[in-house]
Amino acid sequence: MKLPVIRHLQKNNEKEKLENTLEVLESFCDHRSVSEAEMDVVGELISNICGALEVQNMIDEGMPERDAANNFMQKVLSSIDK
Protein backbone atom coordinates (compact mmCIF):
# COMPACT_ATOMS: atom_id res chain seq x y z
CA MET A 1 0.00 0.00 0.00
CA LYS A 2 1.36 3.36 -1.01
CA LEU A 3 -0.26 6.53 0.25
CA PRO A 4 0.70 8.64 -2.82
CA VAL A 5 -0.94 6.05 -5.08
CA ILE A 6 -4.02 5.86 -2.84
CA ARG A 7 -4.39 9.65 -2.85
CA HIS A 8 -3.93 9.78 -6.63
CA LEU A 9 -6.62 7.14 -7.18
CA GLN A 10 -8.99 8.82 -4.73
CA LYS A 11 -8.56 12.28 -6.25
CA ASN A 12 -8.69 11.32 -9.91
CA ASN A 13 -11.41 8.67 -10.04
CA GLU A 14 -15.06 8.49 -9.13
CA LYS A 15 -16.05 6.06 -6.41
CA GLU A 16 -18.14 3.97 -8.82
CA LYS A 17 -15.22 3.65 -11.23
CA LEU A 18 -12.96 2.37 -8.44
CA GLU A 19 -15.61 -0.12 -7.30
CA ASN A 20 -16.04 -1.45 -10.85
CA THR A 21 -12.28 -1.80 -11.29
CA LEU A 22 -12.10 -3.66 -8.00
CA GLU A 23 -14.72 -6.15 -9.19
CA VAL A 24 -12.84 -6.77 -12.43
CA LEU A 25 -9.53 -7.34 -10.64
CA GLU A 26 -11.15 -9.73 -8.16
CA SER A 27 -12.70 -11.65 -11.05
CA PHE A 28 -9.32 -11.80 -12.79
CA CYS A 29 -7.78 -13.36 -9.68
CA ASP A 30 -10.39 -16.11 -9.71
CA HIS A 31 -9.11 -17.52 -13.00
CA ARG A 32 -6.98 -20.62 -12.61
CA SER A 33 -4.27 -19.53 -15.07
CA VAL A 34 -3.27 -16.42 -13.09
CA SER A 35 0.32 -16.82 -11.89
CA GLU A 36 1.60 -16.06 -8.40
CA ALA A 37 3.50 -13.02 -9.70
CA GLU A 38 0.35 -11.68 -11.33
CA MET A 39 -1.59 -12.27 -8.13
CA ASP A 40 0.99 -10.23 -6.19
CA VAL A 41 0.66 -7.28 -8.58
CA VAL A 42 -3.13 -7.45 -8.64
CA GLY A 43 -3.19 -7.77 -4.85
CA GLU A 44 -1.21 -4.55 -4.54
CA LEU A 45 -3.61 -2.82 -6.95
CA ILE A 46 -6.60 -4.08 -4.99
CA SER A 47 -5.07 -2.85 -1.71
CA ASN A 48 -4.51 0.62 -3.15
CA ILE A 49 -8.03 0.81 -4.62
CA CYS A 50 -9.58 -0.31 -1.32
CA GLY A 51 -7.49 2.33 0.44
CA ALA A 52 -8.70 5.00 -1.98
CA LEU A 53 -12.31 3.96 -1.36
CA GLU A 54 -11.79 4.05 2.41
CA VAL A 55 -10.23 7.53 2.26
CA GLN A 56 -13.08 8.74 0.02
CA ASN A 57 -15.65 7.39 2.50
CA MET A 58 -13.99 9.37 5.31
CA ILE A 59 -14.01 12.51 3.16
CA ASP A 60 -17.68 11.93 2.30
CA GLU A 61 -18.39 11.80 6.04
CA GLY A 62 -16.91 15.28 6.42
CA MET A 63 -13.29 14.61 7.31
CA PRO A 64 -10.71 16.89 5.63
CA GLU A 65 -8.79 15.15 2.84
CA ARG A 66 -5.40 15.29 4.57
CA ASP A 67 -6.82 13.97 7.84
CA ALA A 68 -8.62 11.16 6.04
CA ALA A 69 -5.42 9.99 4.36
CA ASN A 70 -3.42 10.23 7.60
CA ASN A 71 -6.11 8.42 9.62
CA PHE A 72 -6.28 5.66 7.06
CA MET A 73 -2.53 5.08 7.16
CA GLN A 74 -2.63 5.18 10.96
CA LYS A 75 -5.25 2.40 10.91
CA VAL A 76 -3.10 0.37 8.54
CA LEU A 77 0.03 0.78 10.64
CA SER A 78 -1.89 -0.06 13.84
CA SER A 79 -3.21 -3.27 12.33
CA ILE A 80 0.31 -4.27 11.23
CA ASP A 81 1.70 -3.71 14.74
CA LYS A 82 -0.82 -6.12 16.29
C-alpha atoms as a PDB file:
ATOM      1  CA  MET A   1       0.000   0.000   0.000  1.00  0.00           C
ATOM      2  CA  LYS A   2       1.363   3.355  -1.013  1.00  0.00           C
ATOM      3  CA  LEU A   3      -0.255   6.534   0.250  1.00  0.00           C
ATOM      4  CA  PRO A   4       0.700   8.641  -2.816  1.00  0.00           C
ATOM      5  CA  VAL A   5      -0.943   6.045  -5.079  1.00  0.00           C
ATOM      6  CA  ILE A   6      -4.020   5.861  -2.840  1.00  0.00           C
ATOM      7  CA  ARG A   7      -4.385   9.648  -2.851  1.00  0.00           C
ATOM      8  CA  HIS A   8      -3.926   9.779  -6.633  1.00  0.00           C
ATOM      9  CA  LEU A   9      -6.616   7.137  -7.184  1.00  0.00           C
ATOM     10  CA  GLN A  10      -8.987   8.822  -4.731  1.00  0.00           C
ATOM     11  CA  LYS A  11      -8.555  12.284  -6.248  1.00  0.00           C
ATOM     12  CA  ASN A  12      -8.694  11.317  -9.909  1.00  0.00           C
ATOM     13  CA  ASN A  13     -11.409   8.673 -10.037  1.00  0.00           C
ATOM     14  CA  GLU A  14     -15.062   8.495  -9.125  1.00  0.00           C
ATOM     15  CA  LYS A  15     -16.050   6.055  -6.413  1.00  0.00           C
ATOM     16  CA  GLU A  16     -18.141   3.968  -8.822  1.00  0.00           C
ATOM     17  CA  LYS A  17     -15.217   3.653 -11.232  1.00  0.00           C
ATOM     18  CA  LEU A  18     -12.961   2.366  -8.443  1.00  0.00           C
ATOM     19  CA  GLU A  19     -15.612  -0.120  -7.296  1.00  0.00           C
ATOM     20  CA  ASN A  20     -16.036  -1.446 -10.850  1.00  0.00           C
ATOM     21  CA  THR A  21     -12.282  -1.796 -11.289  1.00  0.00           C
ATOM     22  CA  LEU A  22     -12.101  -3.659  -7.997  1.00  0.00           C
ATOM     23  CA  GLU A  23     -14.721  -6.149  -9.192  1.00  0.00           C
ATOM     24  CA  VAL A  24     -12.842  -6.768 -12.434  1.00  0.00           C
ATOM     25  CA  LEU A  25      -9.533  -7.340 -10.640  1.00  0.00           C
ATOM     26  CA  GLU A  26     -11.153  -9.728  -8.165  1.00  0.00           C
ATOM     27  CA  SER A  27     -12.696 -11.653 -11.047  1.00  0.00           C
ATOM     28  CA  PHE A  28      -9.316 -11.798 -12.794  1.00  0.00           C
ATOM     29  CA  CYS A  29      -7.776 -13.356  -9.678  1.00  0.00           C
ATOM     30  CA  ASP A  30     -10.387 -16.109  -9.713  1.00  0.00           C
ATOM     31  CA  HIS A  31      -9.112 -17.520 -13.003  1.00  0.00           C
ATOM     32  CA  ARG A  32      -6.978 -20.615 -12.610  1.00  0.00           C
ATOM     33  CA  SER A  33      -4.266 -19.535 -15.070  1.00  0.00           C
ATOM     34  CA  VAL A  34      -3.274 -16.425 -13.087  1.00  0.00           C
ATOM     35  CA  SER A  35       0.315 -16.821 -11.888  1.00  0.00           C
ATOM     36  CA  GLU A  36       1.601 -16.061  -8.395  1.00  0.00           C
ATOM     37  CA  ALA A  37       3.498 -13.019  -9.695  1.00  0.00           C
ATOM     38  CA  GLU A  38       0.350 -11.677 -11.332  1.00  0.00           C
ATOM     39  CA  MET A  39      -1.588 -12.270  -8.126  1.00  0.00           C
ATOM     40  CA  ASP A  40       0.990 -10.229  -6.193  1.00  0.00           C
ATOM     41  CA  VAL A  41       0.660  -7.284  -8.580  1.00  0.00           C
ATOM     42  CA  VAL A  42      -3.132  -7.446  -8.639  1.00  0.00           C
ATOM     43  CA  GLY A  43      -3.191  -7.773  -4.850  1.00  0.00           C
ATOM     44  CA  GLU A  44      -1.211  -4.551  -4.545  1.00  0.00           C
ATOM     45  CA  LEU A  45      -3.609  -2.824  -6.947  1.00  0.00           C
ATOM     46  CA  ILE A  46      -6.603  -4.082  -4.986  1.00  0.00           C
ATOM     47  CA  SER A  47      -5.069  -2.849  -1.712  1.00  0.00           C
ATOM     48  CA  ASN A  48      -4.510   0.622  -3.146  1.00  0.00           C
ATOM     49  CA  ILE A  49      -8.026   0.807  -4.617  1.00  0.00           C
ATOM     50  CA  CYS A  50      -9.578  -0.306  -1.320  1.00  0.00           C
ATOM     51  CA  GLY A  51      -7.491   2.327   0.445  1.00  0.00           C
ATOM     52  CA  ALA A  52      -8.698   5.005  -1.978  1.00  0.00           C
ATOM     53  CA  LEU A  53     -12.307   3.962  -1.364  1.00  0.00           C
ATOM     54  CA  GLU A  54     -11.792   4.046   2.408  1.00  0.00           C
ATOM     55  CA  VAL A  55     -10.233   7.527   2.256  1.00  0.00           C
ATOM     56  CA  GLN A  56     -13.076   8.735   0.024  1.00  0.00           C
ATOM     57  CA  ASN A  57     -15.645   7.394   2.497  1.00  0.00           C
ATOM     58  CA  MET A  58     -13.995   9.366   5.307  1.00  0.00           C
ATOM     59  CA  ILE A  59     -14.012  12.508   3.156  1.00  0.00           C
ATOM     60  CA  ASP A  60     -17.681  11.931   2.295  1.00  0.00           C
ATOM     61  CA  GLU A  61     -18.394  11.800   6.037  1.00  0.00           C
ATOM     62  CA  GLY A  62     -16.909  15.276   6.421  1.00  0.00           C
ATOM     63  CA  MET A  63     -13.287  14.613   7.313  1.00  0.00           C
ATOM     64  CA  PRO A  64     -10.714  16.891   5.630  1.00  0.00           C
ATOM     65  CA  GLU A  65      -8.787  15.149   2.842  1.00  0.00           C
ATOM     66  CA  ARG A  66      -5.397  15.291   4.566  1.00  0.00           C
ATOM     67  CA  ASP A  67      -6.816  13.972   7.842  1.00  0.00           C
ATOM     68  CA  ALA A  68      -8.623  11.160   6.038  1.00  0.00           C
ATOM     69  CA  ALA A  69      -5.417   9.992   4.355  1.00  0.00           C
ATOM     70  CA  ASN A  70      -3.425  10.232   7.598  1.00  0.00           C
ATOM     71  CA  ASN A  71      -6.115   8.425   9.618  1.00  0.00           C
ATOM     72  CA  PHE A  72      -6.281   5.658   7.055  1.00  0.00           C
ATOM     73  CA  MET A  73      -2.527   5.078   7.162  1.00  0.00           C
ATOM     74  CA  GLN A  74      -2.630   5.183  10.965  1.00  0.00           C
ATOM     75  CA  LYS A  75      -5.249   2.404  10.911  1.00  0.00           C
ATOM     76  CA  VAL A  76      -3.102   0.369   8.535  1.00  0.00           C
ATOM     77  CA  LEU A  77       0.027   0.781  10.642  1.00  0.00           C
ATOM     78  CA  SER A  78      -1.886  -0.064  13.837  1.00  0.00           C
ATOM     79  CA  SER A  79      -3.214  -3.273  12.330  1.00  0.00           C
ATOM     80  CA  ILE A  80       0.306  -4.275  11.228  1.00  0.00           C
ATOM     81  CA  ASP A  81       1.695  -3.709  14.738  1.00  0.00           C
ATOM     82  CA  LYS A  82      -0.819  -6.117  16.294  1.00  0.00           C
END
